[in-house]
Amino acid sequence: MQKRWGSLSDKGTVTLNTDLIGAPKECIEYVIMHELCHLKYNDHSPDFYKYLDSVIPGWERIKHKL
């Protein structure tokens, strides 16, 4: 995975970029939660980001660290 930190397959399998191993714990948690939020919203719609914000307040700050 050269361009993504993570992805979610159609079958619900989360795949993580191995480069995350060197990232801070909160960044790893953010990527995992981002992908899990796609189980509810399979897009990057405003509803998706509203949901993401409800499970990880301040996610923008964490994402910026990546």
PDB file of N, CA and C in Angstrom:
ATOM      1  N   MET A   1       0.848  -1.179   0.000  1.00  0.00           N
ATOM      2  CA  MET A   1       0.000   0.000   0.000  1.00  0.00           C
ATOM      3  C   MET A   1       0.891   1.239   0.000  1.00  0.00           C
ATOM      4  N   GLN A   2       1.036   1.843  -1.134  1.00  0.00           N
ATOM      5  CA  GLN A   2       1.912   2.998  -1.234  1.00  0.00           C
ATOM      6  C   GLN A   2       1.178   4.316  -1.012  1.00  0.00           C
ATOM      7  N   LYS A   3      -0.124   4.350  -1.248  1.00  0.00           N
ATOM      8  CA  LYS A   3      -0.845   5.617  -1.174  1.00  0.00           C
ATOM      9  C   LYS A   3      -1.869   5.674  -0.060  1.00  0.00           C
ATOM     10  N   ARG A   4      -2.129   4.555   0.589  1.00  0.00           N
ATOM     11  CA  ARG A   4      -3.177   4.510   1.614  1.00  0.00           C
ATOM     12  C   ARG A   4      -2.606   3.996   2.923  1.00  0.00           C
ATOM     13  N   TRP A   5      -3.199   4.467   4.014  1.00  0.00           N
ATOM     14  CA  TRP A   5      -2.821   3.958   5.331  1.00  0.00           C
ATOM     15  C   TRP A   5      -3.625   2.718   5.669  1.00  0.00           C
ATOM     16  N   GLY A   6      -4.816   2.613   5.081  1.00  0.00           N
ATOM     17  CA  GLY A   6      -5.653   1.456   5.336  1.00  0.00           C
ATOM     18  C   GLY A   6      -6.759   1.363   4.318  1.00  0.00           C
ATOM     19  N   SER A   7      -7.427   0.218   4.320  1.00  0.00           N
ATOM     20  CA  SER A   7      -8.570   0.039   3.436  1.00  0.00           C
ATOM     21  C   SER A   7      -9.504  -1.000   4.046  1.00  0.00           C
ATOM     22  N   LEU A   8     -10.734  -0.993   3.553  1.00  0.00           N
ATOM     23  CA  LEU A   8     -11.745  -1.947   3.991  1.00  0.00           C
ATOM     24  C   LEU A   8     -12.281  -2.647   2.757  1.00  0.00           C
ATOM     25  N   SER A   9     -12.213  -3.966   2.742  1.00  0.00           N
ATOM     26  CA  SER A   9     -12.699  -4.728   1.590  1.00  0.00           C
ATOM     27  C   SER A   9     -14.220  -4.812   1.622  1.00  0.00           C
ATOM     28  N   ASP A  10     -14.776  -5.262   0.513  1.00  0.00           N
ATOM     29  CA  ASP A  10     -16.224  -5.468   0.426  1.00  0.00           C
ATOM     30  C   ASP A  10     -16.717  -6.502   1.431  1.00  0.00           C
ATOM     31  N   LYS A  11     -15.816  -7.388   1.847  1.00  0.00           N
ATOM     32  CA  LYS A  11     -16.179  -8.427   2.821  1.00  0.00           C
ATOM     33  C   LYS A  11     -15.944  -7.982   4.264  1.00  0.00           C
ATOM     34  N   GLY A  12     -15.458  -6.750   4.456  1.00  0.00           N
ATOM     35  CA  GLY A  12     -15.260  -6.233   5.805  1.00  0.00           C
ATOM     36  C   GLY A  12     -13.879  -6.467   6.378  1.00  0.00           C
ATOM     37  N   THR A  13     -12.926  -6.830   5.552  1.00  0.00           N
ATOM     38  CA  THR A  13     -11.564  -7.049   6.018  1.00  0.00           C
ATOM     39  C   THR A  13     -10.795  -5.728   6.003  1.00  0.00           C
ATOM     40  N   VAL A  14     -10.218  -5.388   7.147  1.00  0.00           N
ATOM     41  CA  VAL A  14      -9.397  -4.187   7.241  1.00  0.00           C
ATOM     42  C   VAL A  14      -7.957  -4.558   6.907  1.00  0.00           C
ATOM     43  N   THR A  15      -7.356  -3.803   5.997  1.00  0.00           N
ATOM     44  CA  THR A  15      -5.953  -3.973   5.647  1.00  0.00           C
ATOM     45  C   THR A  15      -5.228  -2.696   6.019  1.00  0.00           C
ATOM     46  N   LEU A  16      -4.092  -2.838   6.703  1.00  0.00           N
ATOM     47  CA  LEU A  16      -3.325  -1.675   7.148  1.00  0.00           C
ATOM     48  C   LEU A  16      -1.972  -1.635   6.450  1.00  0.00           C
ATOM     49  N   ASN A  17      -1.518  -0.444   6.168  1.00  0.00           N
ATOM     50  CA  ASN A  17      -0.208  -0.221   5.593  1.00  0.00           C
ATOM     51  C   ASN A  17       0.842  -0.583   6.648  1.00  0.00           C
ATOM     52  N   THR A  18       1.818  -1.378   6.292  1.00  0.00           N
ATOM     53  CA  THR A  18       2.830  -1.808   7.258  1.00  0.00           C
ATOM     54  C   THR A  18       3.683  -0.640   7.769  1.00  0.00           C
ATOM     55  N   ASP A  19       3.704   0.473   7.054  1.00  0.00           N
ATOM     56  CA  ASP A  19       4.441   1.648   7.532  1.00  0.00           C
ATOM     57  C   ASP A  19       3.829   2.235   8.807  1.00  0.00           C
ATOM     58  N   LEU A  20       2.598   1.842   9.135  1.00  0.00           N
ATOM     59  CA  LEU A  20       1.966   2.324  10.370  1.00  0.00           C
ATOM     60  C   LEU A  20       2.694   1.845  11.616  1.00  0.00           C
ATOM     61  N   ILE A  21       3.477   0.798  11.502  1.00  0.00           N
ATOM     62  CA  ILE A  21       4.170   0.237  12.669  1.00  0.00           C
ATOM     63  C   ILE A  21       5.027   1.287  13.365  1.00  0.00           C
ATOM     64  N   GLY A  22       5.517   2.257  12.619  1.00  0.00           N
ATOM     65  CA  GLY A  22       6.349   3.308  13.208  1.00  0.00           C
ATOM     66  C   GLY A  22       5.584   4.550  13.594  1.00  0.00           C
ATOM     67  N   ALA A  23       4.272   4.543  13.398  1.00  0.00           N
ATOM     68  CA  ALA A  23       3.445   5.714  13.700  1.00  0.00           C
ATOM     69  C   ALA A  23       3.052   5.723  15.177  1.00  0.00           C
ATOM     70  N   PRO A  24       2.737   6.900  15.703  1.00  0.00           N
ATOM     71  CA  PRO A  24       2.234   6.969  17.075  1.00  0.00           C
ATOM     72  C   PRO A  24       0.950   6.147  17.227  1.00  0.00           C
ATOM     73  N   LYS A  25       0.728   5.651  18.434  1.00  0.00           N
ATOM     74  CA  LYS A  25      -0.432   4.803  18.714  1.00  0.00           C
ATOM     75  C   LYS A  25      -1.736   5.472  18.305  1.00  0.00           C
ATOM     76  N   GLU A  26      -1.880   6.761  18.575  1.00  0.00           N
ATOM     77  CA  GLU A  26      -3.130   7.433  18.242  1.00  0.00           C
ATOM     78  C   GLU A  26      -3.355   7.477  16.731  1.00  0.00           C
ATOM     79  N   CYS A  27      -2.297   7.501  15.945  1.00  0.00           N
ATOM     80  CA  CYS A  27      -2.430   7.482  14.491  1.00  0.00           C
ATOM     81  C   CYS A  27      -2.910   6.112  14.014  1.00  0.00           C
ATOM     82  N   ILE A  28      -2.373   5.075  14.610  1.00  0.00           N
ATOM     83  CA  ILE A  28      -2.802   3.717  14.265  1.00  0.00           C
ATOM     84  C   ILE A  28      -4.278   3.536  14.623  1.00  0.00           C
ATOM     85  N   GLU A  29      -4.650   3.996  15.805  1.00  0.00           N
ATOM     86  CA  GLU A  29      -6.047   3.906  16.230  1.00  0.00           C
ATOM     87  C   GLU A  29      -6.958   4.693  15.296  1.00  0.00           C
ATOM     88  N   TYR A  30      -6.502   5.868  14.859  1.00  0.00           N
ATOM     89  CA  TYR A  30      -7.289   6.676  13.931  1.00  0.00           C
ATOM     90  C   TYR A  30      -7.529   5.915  12.629  1.00  0.00           C
ATOM     91  N   VAL A  31      -6.489   5.335  12.053  1.00  0.00           N
ATOM     92  CA  VAL A  31      -6.634   4.626  10.775  1.00  0.00           C
ATOM     93  C   VAL A  31      -7.596   3.446  10.930  1.00  0.00           C
ATOM     94  N   ILE A  32      -7.454   2.705  12.014  1.00  0.00           N
ATOM     95  CA  ILE A  32      -8.350   1.566  12.253  1.00  0.00           C
ATOM     96  C   ILE A  32      -9.790   2.034  12.386  1.00  0.00           C
ATOM     97  N   MET A  33     -10.021   3.065  13.183  1.00  0.00           N
ATOM     98  CA  MET A  33     -11.381   3.557  13.376  1.00  0.00           C
ATOM     99  C   MET A  33     -11.940   4.157  12.091  1.00  0.00           C
ATOM    100  N   HIS A  34     -11.099   4.831  11.317  1.00  0.00           N
ATOM    101  CA  HIS A  34     -11.536   5.370  10.030  1.00  0.00           C
ATOM    102  C   HIS A  34     -12.071   4.240   9.151  1.00  0.00           C
ATOM    103  N   GLU A  35     -11.320   3.166   9.072  1.00  0.00           N
ATOM    104  CA  GLU A  35     -11.747   2.043   8.240  1.00  0.00           C
ATOM    105  C   GLU A  35     -12.999   1.382   8.798  1.00  0.00           C
ATOM    106  N   LEU A  36     -13.093   1.247  10.110  1.00  0.00           N
ATOM    107  CA  LEU A  36     -14.287   0.642  10.705  1.00  0.00           C
ATOM    108  C   LEU A  36     -15.523   1.505  10.494  1.00  0.00           C
ATOM    109  N   CYS A  37     -15.358   2.815  10.448  1.00  0.00           N
ATOM    110  CA  CYS A  37     -16.492   3.707  10.165  1.00  0.00           C
ATOM    111  C   CYS A  37     -17.055   3.450   8.773  1.00  0.00           C
ATOM    112  N   HIS A  38     -16.218   2.929   7.890  1.00  0.00           N
ATOM    113  CA  HIS A  38     -16.701   2.595   6.546  1.00  0.00           C
ATOM    114  C   HIS A  38     -17.672   1.417   6.566  1.00  0.00           C
ATOM    115  N   LEU A  39     -17.739   0.683   7.647  1.00  0.00           N
ATOM    116  CA  LEU A  39     -18.749  -0.367   7.756  1.00  0.00           C
ATOM    117  C   LEU A  39     -20.146   0.244   7.777  1.00  0.00           C
ATOM    118  N   LYS A  40     -20.252   1.460   8.303  1.00  0.00           N
ATOM    119  CA  LYS A  40     -21.544   2.151   8.363  1.00  0.00           C
ATOM    120  C   LYS A  40     -21.753   3.055   7.153  1.00  0.00           C
ATOM    121  N   TYR A  41     -20.708   3.766   6.753  1.00  0.00           N
ATOM    122  CA  TYR A  41     -20.770   4.670   5.601  1.00  0.00           C
ATOM    123  C   TYR A  41     -19.639   4.301   4.649  1.00  0.00           C
ATOM    124  N   ASN A  42     -19.981   3.711   3.536  1.00  0.00           N
ATOM    125  CA  ASN A  42     -18.965   3.234   2.597  1.00  0.00           C
ATOM    126  C   ASN A  42     -18.567   4.325   1.605  1.00  0.00           C
ATOM    127  N   ASP A  43     -18.276   5.503   2.128  1.00  0.00           N
ATOM    128  CA  ASP A  43     -17.876   6.641   1.303  1.00  0.00           C
ATOM    129  C   ASP A  43     -17.216   7.678   2.211  1.00  0.00           C
ATOM    130  N   HIS A  44     -16.920   8.830   1.674  1.00  0.00           N
ATOM    131  CA  HIS A  44     -16.377   9.928   2.472  1.00  0.00           C
ATOM    132  C   HIS A  44     -17.353  11.101   2.441  1.00  0.00           C
ATOM    133  N   SER A  45     -18.597  10.790   2.703  1.00  0.00           N
ATOM    134  CA  SER A  45     -19.670  11.785   2.715  1.00  0.00           C
ATOM    135  C   SER A  45     -19.618  12.597   4.003  1.00  0.00           C
ATOM    136  N   PRO A  46     -20.361  13.699   4.037  1.00  0.00           N
ATOM    137  CA  PRO A  46     -20.455  14.455   5.299  1.00  0.00           C
ATOM    138  C   PRO A  46     -20.933  13.591   6.464  1.00  0.00           C
ATOM    139  N   ASP A  47     -21.846  12.660   6.197  1.00  0.00           N
ATOM    140  CA  ASP A  47     -22.320  11.761   7.263  1.00  0.00           C
ATOM    141  C   ASP A  47     -21.200  10.880   7.782  1.00  0.00           C
ATOM    142  N   PHE A  48     -20.339  10.411   6.880  1.00  0.00           N
ATOM    143  CA  PHE A  48     -19.187   9.612   7.298  1.00  0.00           C
ATOM    144  C   PHE A  48     -18.316  10.414   8.262  1.00  0.00           C
ATOM    145  N   TYR A  49     -17.980  11.642   7.886  1.00  0.00           N
ATOM    146  CA  TYR A  49     -17.096  12.458   8.725  1.00  0.00           C
ATOM    147  C   TYR A  49     -17.764  12.866  10.041  1.00  0.00           C
ATOM    148  N   LYS A  50     -19.062  13.050  10.014  1.00  0.00           N
ATOM    149  CA  LYS A  50     -19.786  13.338  11.262  1.00  0.00           C
ATOM    150  C   LYS A  50     -19.694  12.134  12.207  1.00  0.00           C
ATOM    151  N   TYR A  51     -19.847  10.949  11.635  1.00  0.00           N
ATOM    152  CA  TYR A  51     -19.736   9.724  12.431  1.00  0.00           C
ATOM    153  C   TYR A  51     -18.315   9.535  12.950  1.00  0.00           C
ATOM    154  N   LEU A  52     -17.331   9.739  12.084  1.00  0.00           N
ATOM    155  CA  LEU A  52     -15.931   9.629  12.490  1.00  0.00           C
ATOM    156  C   LEU A  52     -15.629  10.600  13.628  1.00  0.00           C
ATOM    157  N   ASP A  53     -16.145  11.810  13.521  1.00  0.00           N
ATOM    158  CA  ASP A  53     -15.934  12.815  14.570  1.00  0.00           C
ATOM    159  C   ASP A  53     -16.574  12.390  15.893  1.00  0.00           C
ATOM    160  N   SER A  54     -17.652  11.624  15.812  1.00  0.00           N
ATOM    161  CA  SER A  54     -18.310  11.171  17.045  1.00  0.00           C
ATOM    162  C   SER A  54     -17.509  10.083  17.754  1.00  0.00           C
ATOM    163  N   VAL A  55     -16.727   9.313  16.995  1.00  0.00           N
ATOM    164  CA  VAL A  55     -15.933   8.248  17.624  1.00  0.00           C
ATOM    165  C   VAL A  55     -14.498   8.675  17.901  1.00  0.00           C
ATOM    166  N   ILE A  56     -13.990   9.657  17.141  1.00  0.00           N
ATOM    167  CA  ILE A  56     -12.641  10.179  17.372  1.00  0.00           C
ATOM    168  C   ILE A  56     -12.683  11.706  17.257  1.00  0.00           C
ATOM    169  N   PRO A  57     -13.112  12.359  18.333  1.00  0.00           N
ATOM    170  CA  PRO A  57     -13.103  13.827  18.289  1.00  0.00           C
ATOM    171  C   PRO A  57     -11.665  14.324  18.061  1.00  0.00           C
ATOM    172  N   GLY A  58     -11.529  15.300  17.185  1.00  0.00           N
ATOM    173  CA  GLY A  58     -10.204  15.834  16.905  1.00  0.00           C
ATOM    174  C   GLY A  58      -9.389  14.986  15.949  1.00  0.00           C
ATOM    175  N   TRP A  59     -10.044  14.141  15.172  1.00  0.00           N
ATOM    176  CA  TRP A  59      -9.343  13.239  14.260  1.00  0.00           C
ATOM    177  C   TRP A  59      -8.489  13.992  13.242  1.00  0.00           C
ATOM    178  N   GLU A  60      -8.891  15.221  12.917  1.00  0.00           N
ATOM    179  CA  GLU A  60      -8.122  15.999  11.927  1.00  0.00           C
ATOM    180  C   GLU A  60      -6.688  16.238  12.402  1.00  0.00           C
ATOM    181  N   ARG A  61      -6.535  16.532  13.687  1.00  0.00           N
ATOM    182  CA  ARG A  61      -5.210  16.757  14.283  1.00  0.00           C
ATOM    183  C   ARG A  61      -4.368  15.497  14.198  1.00  0.00           C
ATOM    184  N   ILE A  62      -4.994  14.362  14.475  1.00  0.00           N
ATOM    185  CA  ILE A  62      -4.281  13.085  14.424  1.00  0.00           C
ATOM    186  C   ILE A  62      -3.897  12.750  12.986  1.00  0.00           C
ATOM    187  N   LYS A  63      -4.829  12.933  12.055  1.00  0.00           N
ATOM    188  CA  LYS A  63      -4.560  12.628  10.651  1.00  0.00           C
ATOM    189  C   LYS A  63      -3.381  13.472  10.142  1.00  0.00           C
ATOM    190  N   HIS A  64      -3.296  14.690  10.594  1.00  0.00           N
ATOM    191  CA  HIS A  64      -2.216  15.589  10.158  1.00  0.00           C
ATOM    192  C   HIS A  64      -0.832  15.041  10.534  1.00  0.00           C
ATOM    193  N   LYS A  65      -0.778  14.270  11.615  1.00  0.00           N
ATOM    194  CA  LYS A  65       0.493  13.675  12.052  1.00  0.00           C
ATOM    195  C   LYS A  65       0.988  12.602  11.082  1.00  0.00           C
ATOM    196  N   LEU A  66       0.070  12.019  10.324  1.00  0.00           N
ATOM    197  CA  LEU A  66       0.465  10.987   9.368  1.00  0.00           C
ATOM    198  C   LEU A  66       1.132  11.636   8.171  1.00  0.00           C
TER     199      LEU A  66
END
